[in-house]
C-alpha atoms as a PDB file:
ATOM      1  CA  MET A   1      12.582   5.134   2.254  1.00  0.00           C
ATOM      2  CA  PHE A   2      11.387   6.012   5.739  1.00  0.00           C
ATOM      3  CA  PHE A   3       7.826   5.979   6.886  1.00  0.00           C
ATOM      4  CA  ASN A   4       6.343   6.458  10.312  1.00  0.00           C
ATOM      5  CA  VAL A   5       4.037   3.557  11.038  1.00  0.00           C
ATOM      6  CA  THR A   6       3.914   3.900  14.808  1.00  0.00           C
ATOM      7  CA  ALA A   7       3.553   6.736  17.207  1.00  0.00           C
ATOM      8  CA  GLY A   8       7.051   6.760  18.616  1.00  0.00           C
ATOM      9  CA  ASN A   9       9.134   4.235  16.697  1.00  0.00           C
ATOM     10  CA  PHE A  10      10.563   3.084  20.028  1.00  0.00           C
ATOM     11  CA  TYR A  11      12.369   0.091  18.594  1.00  0.00           C
ATOM     12  CA  THR A  12      13.805   1.536  15.386  1.00  0.00           C
ATOM     13  CA  PRO A  13      17.286   2.276  16.854  1.00  0.00           C
ATOM     14  CA  LEU A  14      17.456  -1.230  18.275  1.00  0.00           C
ATOM     15  CA  TRP A  15      16.406  -2.936  15.038  1.00  0.00           C
ATOM     16  CA  ASN A  16      18.872  -0.741  13.167  1.00  0.00           C
ATOM     17  CA  LYS A  17      21.635  -2.026  15.442  1.00  0.00           C
ATOM     18  CA  TYR A  18      20.646  -5.636  14.691  1.00  0.00           C
ATOM     19  CA  ARG A  19      20.019  -5.086  10.962  1.00  0.00           C
ATOM     20  CA  PRO A  20      23.336  -6.649   9.752  1.00  0.00           C
ATOM     21  CA  ALA A  21      22.659  -9.791  11.799  1.00  0.00           C
ATOM     22  CA  ILE A  22      19.046  -9.968  10.597  1.00  0.00           C
ATOM     23  CA  LEU A  23      20.189  -9.698   6.968  1.00  0.00           C
ATOM     24  CA  GLN A  24      22.603 -12.591   7.541  1.00  0.00           C
ATOM     25  CA  LEU A  25      19.755 -14.616   9.055  1.00  0.00           C
ATOM     26  CA  MET A  26      17.563 -13.880   6.033  1.00  0.00           C
ATOM     27  CA  VAL A  27      20.257 -15.094   3.628  1.00  0.00           C
ATOM     28  CA  ALA A  28      21.064 -18.174   5.734  1.00  0.00           C
ATOM     29  CA  SER A  29      17.369 -19.071   6.067  1.00  0.00           C
ATOM     30  CA  ALA A  30      17.483 -20.288   2.445  1.00  0.00           C
ATOM     31  CA  ASP A  31      18.914 -23.540   3.826  1.00  0.00           C
ATOM     32  CA  GLU A  32      17.058 -23.798   7.137  1.00  0.00           C
ATOM     33  CA  PRO A  33      15.241 -21.588   9.673  1.00  0.00           C
ATOM     34  CA  GLN A  34      17.562 -19.390  11.691  1.00  0.00           C
ATOM     35  CA  GLN A  35      17.437 -17.946  15.184  1.00  0.00           C
ATOM     36  CA  TYR A  36      19.230 -15.204  17.051  1.00  0.00           C
ATOM     37  CA  LYS A  37      19.130 -14.440  20.769  1.00  0.00           C
ATOM     38  CA  LEU A  38      18.396 -10.773  21.416  1.00  0.00           C
ATOM     39  CA  TYR A  39      18.840  -8.950  24.709  1.00  0.00           C
ATOM     40  CA  GLY A  40      15.488  -8.509  26.415  1.00  0.00           C
ATOM     41  CA  HIS A  41      16.711  -5.659  28.601  1.00  0.00           C
ATOM     42  CA  GLU A  42      17.364  -3.573  25.467  1.00  0.00           C
ATOM     43  CA  PHE A  43      13.748  -3.866  24.358  1.00  0.00           C
ATOM     44  CA  LYS A  44      12.464  -3.166  27.858  1.00  0.00           C
ATOM     45  CA  ALA A  45      14.660  -0.061  28.065  1.00  0.00           C
ATOM     46  CA  MET A  46      13.220   1.244  24.771  1.00  0.00           C
ATOM     47  CA  ASN A  47       9.627   1.018  25.959  1.00  0.00           C
ATOM     48  CA  PRO A  48       9.140  -0.011  29.607  1.00  0.00           C
ATOM     49  CA  LYS A  49       5.337   0.284  29.263  1.00  0.00           C
ATOM     50  CA  GLU A  50       5.151  -2.505  26.663  1.00  0.00           C
ATOM     51  CA  LYS A  51       3.473  -5.629  28.025  1.00  0.00           C
ATOM     52  CA  GLY A  52       4.113  -8.217  25.325  1.00  0.00           C
ATOM     53  CA  TYR A  53       7.235  -8.239  23.205  1.00  0.00           C
ATOM     54  CA  ALA A  54       6.534 -11.447  21.272  1.00  0.00           C
ATOM     55  CA  PHE A  55       5.336 -11.078  17.687  1.00  0.00           C
ATOM     56  CA  THR A  56       5.090 -12.740  14.293  1.00  0.00           C
ATOM     57  CA  LEU A  57       5.715 -10.765  11.123  1.00  0.00           C
ATOM     58  CA  GLN A  58       5.188 -12.365   7.729  1.00  0.00           C
ATOM     59  CA  VAL A  59       6.602 -10.231   4.898  1.00  0.00           C
ATOM     60  CA  HIS A  60       6.373 -10.452   1.116  1.00  0.00           C
ATOM     61  CA  GLN A  61       7.350  -7.752  -1.383  1.00  0.00           C
ATOM     62  CA  GLY A  62       8.167  -5.384   1.469  1.00  0.00           C
ATOM     63  CA  LYS A  63       4.699  -5.552   3.008  1.00  0.00           C
ATOM     64  CA  ALA A  64       3.313  -7.347   6.024  1.00  0.00           C
ATOM     65  CA  VAL A  65       1.131 -10.268   4.981  1.00  0.00           C
ATOM     66  CA  ASN A  66      -0.308 -10.659   8.482  1.00  0.00           C
ATOM     67  CA  ASN A  67      -1.839  -7.986  10.716  1.00  0.00           C
ATOM     68  CA  ILE A  68       0.856  -6.261  12.804  1.00  0.00           C
ATOM     69  CA  ARG A  69      -1.115  -3.149  13.781  1.00  0.00           C
ATOM     70  CA  SER A  70      -1.037  -4.094  17.454  1.00  0.00           C
ATOM     71  CA  SER A  71       2.738  -4.713  17.491  1.00  0.00           C
ATOM     72  CA  ALA A  72       4.979  -1.645  17.453  1.00  0.00           C
ATOM     73  CA  ILE A  73       8.001  -3.963  17.595  1.00  0.00           C
ATOM     74  CA  ALA A  74       6.993  -5.754  14.387  1.00  0.00           C
ATOM     75  CA  GLN A  75       6.085  -2.474  12.654  1.00  0.00           C
ATOM     76  CA  ASP A  76       9.472  -0.967  13.481  1.00  0.00           C
ATOM     77  CA  LEU A  77      11.266  -4.106  12.266  1.00  0.00           C
ATOM     78  CA  LEU A  78       9.375  -3.882   8.969  1.00  0.00           C
ATOM     79  CA  GLY A  79      10.346  -0.212   8.676  1.00  0.00           C
ATOM     80  CA  ILE A  80      14.044  -0.980   9.185  1.00  0.00           C
ATOM     81  CA  LEU A  81      13.958  -3.861   6.702  1.00  0.00           C
ATOM     82  CA  GLY A  82      12.328  -1.564   4.159  1.00  0.00           C
ATOM     83  CA  GLN A  83      15.315   0.790   4.401  1.00  0.00           C
ATOM     84  CA  SER A  84      17.749  -1.971   3.444  1.00  0.00           C
ATOM     85  CA  LYS A  85      18.367  -2.586  -0.250  1.00  0.00           C
ATOM     86  CA  LYS A  86      19.422  -6.188   0.408  1.00  0.00           C
ATOM     87  CA  ALA A  87      16.402  -6.946   2.614  1.00  0.00           C
ATOM     88  CA  SER A  88      14.093  -5.346   0.055  1.00  0.00           C
ATOM     89  CA  GLU A  89      15.570  -7.530  -2.700  1.00  0.00           C
ATOM     90  CA  LEU A  90      15.125 -10.675  -0.602  1.00  0.00           C
ATOM     91  CA  MET A  91      11.576  -9.754   0.457  1.00  0.00           C
ATOM     92  CA  GLY A  92      10.696  -8.924  -3.128  1.00  0.00           C
ATOM     93  CA  THR A  93      11.447 -12.476  -4.190  1.00  0.00           C
ATOM     94  CA  TYR A  94      10.513 -14.574  -1.160  1.00  0.00           C
ATOM     95  CA  THR A  95       8.168 -14.547   1.813  1.00  0.00           C
ATOM     96  CA  TYR A  96       9.883 -14.354   5.191  1.00  0.00           C
ATOM     97  CA  VAL A  97       8.496 -14.998   8.632  1.00  0.00           C
ATOM     98  CA  PHE A  98      10.060 -13.210  11.609  1.00  0.00           C
ATOM     99  CA  THR A  99       8.970 -14.393  15.035  1.00  0.00           C
ATOM    100  CA  MET A 100      10.235 -13.156  18.376  1.00  0.00           C
ATOM    101  CA  ASP A 101       9.318 -15.348  21.322  1.00  0.00           C
ATOM    102  CA  LYS A 102       8.962 -14.428  24.991  1.00  0.00           C
ATOM    103  CA  GLN A 103      12.635 -15.289  25.567  1.00  0.00           C
ATOM    104  CA  PHE A 104      13.619 -12.631  22.982  1.00  0.00           C
ATOM    105  CA  VAL A 105      14.826 -15.174  20.444  1.00  0.00           C
ATOM    106  CA  LEU A 106      14.268 -13.953  16.893  1.00  0.00           C
ATOM    107  CA  HIS A 107      13.361 -16.750  14.477  1.00  0.00           C
ATOM    108  CA  VAL A 108      13.731 -16.121  10.728  1.00  0.00           C
ATOM    109  CA  SER A 109      12.269 -18.491   8.147  1.00  0.00           C
ATOM    110  CA  LYS A 110      12.037 -18.282   4.383  1.00  0.00           C
ATOM    111  CA  LEU A 111       8.853 -19.847   3.113  1.00  0.00           C
ATOM    112  CA  ALA A 112       8.985 -22.178   0.150  1.00  0.00           C
ATOM    113  CA  GLU A 113       7.926 -20.615  -3.118  1.00  0.00           C
ATOM    114  CA  ALA A 114       4.407 -21.358  -4.258  1.00  0.00           C
ATOM    115  CA  SER A 115       4.512 -23.815  -7.125  1.00  0.00           C
END
């Protein structure tokens, strides 16, 4: 399933490249939060006009729980995850938090299930 949530989808090719690693992080986050160092120059090359690359995306059942309207990077990541059967299965069961900091480190956490 593909949907256009941003005008441009600048980061979709980049997230697609990292999708296998992100899926591994999602699976591994069952034990503890994970992190992965991305290459900042790749994001800057995709959209040199972007001012802030940091974001937080909280996802449950394939939908953003928090407001990501102002973050094309987070919207494109959500779009790529939605195309993955494995990511969709994981997000359908658990809530995940994806955070990219200013140093382009992607943090992936699986939230504990509500009891």
